[in-house]
C-alpha atoms as a PDB file:
ATOM      1  CA  MET A   1     -46.201   3.225 -43.804  1.00  0.00           C
ATOM      2  CA  GLN A   2     -48.662   2.197 -41.097  1.00  0.00           C
ATOM      3  CA  ASP A   3     -47.996  -1.471 -41.896  1.00  0.00           C
ATOM      4  CA  TYR A   4     -44.235  -0.936 -41.610  1.00  0.00           C
ATOM      5  CA  ILE A   5     -44.619   0.786 -38.230  1.00  0.00           C
ATOM      6  CA  ALA A   6     -46.966  -1.944 -36.965  1.00  0.00           C
ATOM      7  CA  VAL A   7     -44.519  -4.704 -37.953  1.00  0.00           C
ATOM      8  CA  ARG A   8     -41.613  -2.796 -36.427  1.00  0.00           C
ATOM      9  CA  HIS A   9     -43.495  -2.447 -33.120  1.00  0.00           C
ATOM     10  CA  GLU A  10     -44.435  -6.130 -33.194  1.00  0.00           C
ATOM     11  CA  CYS A  11     -40.846  -7.217 -33.830  1.00  0.00           C
ATOM     12  CA  GLU A  12     -39.447  -4.932 -31.138  1.00  0.00           C
ATOM     13  CA  ALA A  13     -42.052  -6.237 -28.673  1.00  0.00           C
ATOM     14  CA  ALA A  14     -41.073  -9.822 -29.494  1.00  0.00           C
ATOM     15  CA  ILE A  15     -37.392  -9.001 -28.900  1.00  0.00           C
ATOM     16  CA  ALA A  16     -38.242  -7.387 -25.549  1.00  0.00           C
ATOM     17  CA  ALA A  17     -40.579 -10.228 -24.507  1.00  0.00           C
ATOM     18  CA  ALA A  18     -37.872 -12.792 -25.289  1.00  0.00           C
ATOM     19  CA  GLY A  19     -35.403 -10.867 -23.136  1.00  0.00           C
ATOM     20  CA  LEU A  20     -32.893 -10.743 -25.969  1.00  0.00           C
ATOM     21  CA  VAL A  21     -29.813  -8.570 -25.819  1.00  0.00           C
ATOM     22  CA  ALA A  22     -30.205  -6.379 -28.875  1.00  0.00           C
ATOM     23  CA  THR A  23     -29.536  -3.046 -30.473  1.00  0.00           C
ATOM     24  CA  ILE A  24     -32.414  -1.663 -32.501  1.00  0.00           C
ATOM     25  CA  LEU A  25     -31.655   0.983 -35.085  1.00  0.00           C
ATOM     26  CA  ARG A  26     -34.551   3.233 -36.024  1.00  0.00           C
ATOM     27  CA  PRO A  27     -33.656   5.284 -39.066  1.00  0.00           C
ATOM     28  CA  TRP A  28     -36.633   7.001 -40.637  1.00  0.00           C
ATOM     29  CA  TYR A  29     -35.207   7.172 -44.155  1.00  0.00           C
ATOM     30  CA  SER A  30     -31.700   6.361 -45.336  1.00  0.00           C
ATOM     31  CA  LEU A  31     -30.415   8.405 -48.237  1.00  0.00           C
ATOM     32  CA  SER A  32     -28.501   6.160 -50.591  1.00  0.00           C
ATOM     33  CA  PRO A  33     -27.657   5.856 -54.282  1.00  0.00           C
ATOM     34  CA  GLY A  34     -30.863   6.078 -56.253  1.00  0.00           C
ATOM     35  CA  HIS A  35     -32.837   7.269 -53.214  1.00  0.00           C
ATOM     36  CA  TRP A  36     -32.008  10.953 -53.019  1.00  0.00           C
ATOM     37  CA  TRP A  37     -35.472  12.431 -53.696  1.00  0.00           C
ATOM     38  CA  PRO A  38     -36.141  13.162 -49.977  1.00  0.00           C
ATOM     39  CA  LEU A  39     -33.350  15.749 -50.059  1.00  0.00           C
ATOM     40  CA  ALA A  40     -35.991  18.063 -51.525  1.00  0.00           C
ATOM     41  CA  LEU A  41     -37.635  17.894 -48.077  1.00  0.00           C
ATOM     42  CA  GLN A  42     -34.486  19.031 -46.262  1.00  0.00           C
ATOM     43  CA  PRO A  43     -35.562  22.721 -46.053  1.00  0.00           C
ATOM     44  CA  VAL A  44     -38.879  21.647 -44.532  1.00  0.00           C
ATOM     45  CA  TYR A  45     -37.052  19.535 -41.925  1.00  0.00           C
ATOM     46  CA  ARG A  46     -34.767  22.471 -41.051  1.00  0.00           C
ATOM     47  CA  LEU A  47     -37.753  24.780 -40.647  1.00  0.00           C
ATOM     48  CA  MET A  48     -39.631  22.254 -38.493  1.00  0.00           C
ATOM     49  CA  GLU A  49     -36.556  21.835 -36.272  1.00  0.00           C
ATOM     50  CA  GLN A  50     -36.784  25.557 -35.457  1.00  0.00           C
ATOM     51  CA  VAL A  51     -40.405  25.367 -34.261  1.00  0.00           C
ATOM     52  CA  PRO A  52     -40.735  24.063 -30.687  1.00  0.00           C
ATOM     53  CA  ALA A  53     -44.007  22.241 -31.428  1.00  0.00           C
ATOM     54  CA  THR A  54     -42.461  20.219 -34.284  1.00  0.00           C
ATOM     55  CA  ARG A  55     -38.798  20.074 -33.225  1.00  0.00           C
ATOM     56  CA  ASP A  56     -38.794  16.602 -31.649  1.00  0.00           C
ATOM     57  CA  ALA A  57     -40.707  14.989 -34.513  1.00  0.00           C
ATOM     58  CA  ALA A  58     -38.499  16.651 -37.137  1.00  0.00           C
ATOM     59  CA  ARG A  59     -35.360  15.351 -35.428  1.00  0.00           C
ATOM     60  CA  ARG A  60     -36.794  11.867 -34.839  1.00  0.00           C
ATOM     61  CA  LEU A  61     -38.026  11.585 -38.431  1.00  0.00           C
ATOM     62  CA  GLY A  62     -34.950  13.143 -40.005  1.00  0.00           C
ATOM     63  CA  LEU A  63     -33.006  11.777 -42.927  1.00  0.00           C
ATOM     64  CA  VAL A  64     -29.750   9.885 -42.451  1.00  0.00           C
ATOM     65  CA  THR A  65     -27.134   8.926 -45.000  1.00  0.00           C
ATOM     66  CA  ILE A  66     -26.020   5.417 -45.794  1.00  0.00           C
ATOM     67  CA  GLN A  67     -22.587   6.459 -44.487  1.00  0.00           C
ATOM     68  CA  GLU A  68     -24.092   7.476 -41.135  1.00  0.00           C
ATOM     69  CA  MET A  69     -25.882   4.124 -40.953  1.00  0.00           C
ATOM     70  CA  LEU A  70     -22.715   2.182 -41.751  1.00  0.00           C
ATOM     71  CA  VAL A  71     -20.671   4.047 -39.148  1.00  0.00           C
ATOM     72  CA  THR A  72     -23.438   3.523 -36.585  1.00  0.00           C
ATOM     73  CA  MET A  73     -23.624  -0.207 -37.338  1.00  0.00           C
ATOM     74  CA  LEU A  74     -19.858  -0.484 -36.892  1.00  0.00           C
ATOM     75  CA  TRP A  75     -20.121   1.432 -33.593  1.00  0.00           C
ATOM     76  CA  VAL A  76     -22.871  -0.958 -32.443  1.00  0.00           C
ATOM     77  CA  ILE A  77     -20.831  -4.034 -33.353  1.00  0.00           C
ATOM     78  CA  GLU A  78     -17.792  -2.712 -31.490  1.00  0.00           C
ATOM     79  CA  ARG A  79     -19.884  -1.912 -28.382  1.00  0.00           C
ATOM     80  CA  PRO A  80     -22.295  -4.773 -27.702  1.00  0.00           C
ATOM     81  CA  PRO A  81     -25.182  -3.824 -25.413  1.00  0.00           C
ATOM     82  CA  SER A  82     -25.828  -5.430 -22.046  1.00  0.00           C
ATOM     83  CA  GLY A  83     -29.585  -5.313 -22.619  1.00  0.00           C
ATOM     84  CA  ARG A  84     -31.966  -3.785 -25.123  1.00  0.00           C
ATOM     85  CA  ARG A  85     -30.697  -0.586 -26.727  1.00  0.00           C
ATOM     86  CA  VAL A  86     -32.538   1.668 -29.191  1.00  0.00           C
ATOM     87  CA  ILE A  87     -30.688   4.118 -31.416  1.00  0.00           C
ATOM     88  CA  GLU A  88     -32.835   6.675 -33.218  1.00  0.00           C
ATOM     89  CA  VAL A  89     -32.087   9.315 -35.857  1.00  0.00           C
ATOM     90  CA  PRO A  90     -30.443  11.978 -33.640  1.00  0.00           C
ATOM     91  CA  GLU A  91     -27.940   9.448 -32.285  1.00  0.00           C
ATOM     92  CA  ILE A  92     -27.405   7.850 -35.711  1.00  0.00           C
ATOM     93  CA  ARG A  93     -26.492  11.299 -37.027  1.00  0.00           C
ATOM     94  CA  ARG A  94     -24.222  12.012 -34.069  1.00  0.00           C
ATOM     95  CA  LEU A  95     -22.429   8.679 -34.297  1.00  0.00           C
ATOM     96  CA  GLY A  96     -22.230   8.821 -38.086  1.00  0.00           C
ATOM     97  CA  ARG A  97     -20.576  12.227 -38.071  1.00  0.00           C
ATOM     98  CA  SER A  98     -18.117  11.636 -35.264  1.00  0.00           C
ATOM     99  CA  PRO A  99     -14.489  10.966 -36.162  1.00  0.00           C
ATOM    100  CA  ALA A 100     -13.536   7.295 -36.062  1.00  0.00           C
END
């Protein structure tokens, strides 16, 4: 996981340094067919969201569905950014659950 995070930071830094107009999506884990095992962690996430010391991390590292990702990607395509935009788990969830 550390390698993934390091590469992600490096790529995002390169995008910023190049001055590119971009939207960066930062899902922590996308639930999709064949990848449902993290659902077993859902009660732990809910508990951590109730504790002030762990609330932000639990929300930032939450699970999103493939449907939420697809809806978010469509939203991003329909609303191009004017600069660099980062969309993390809480916003992916919000966008993915909003009516079209």
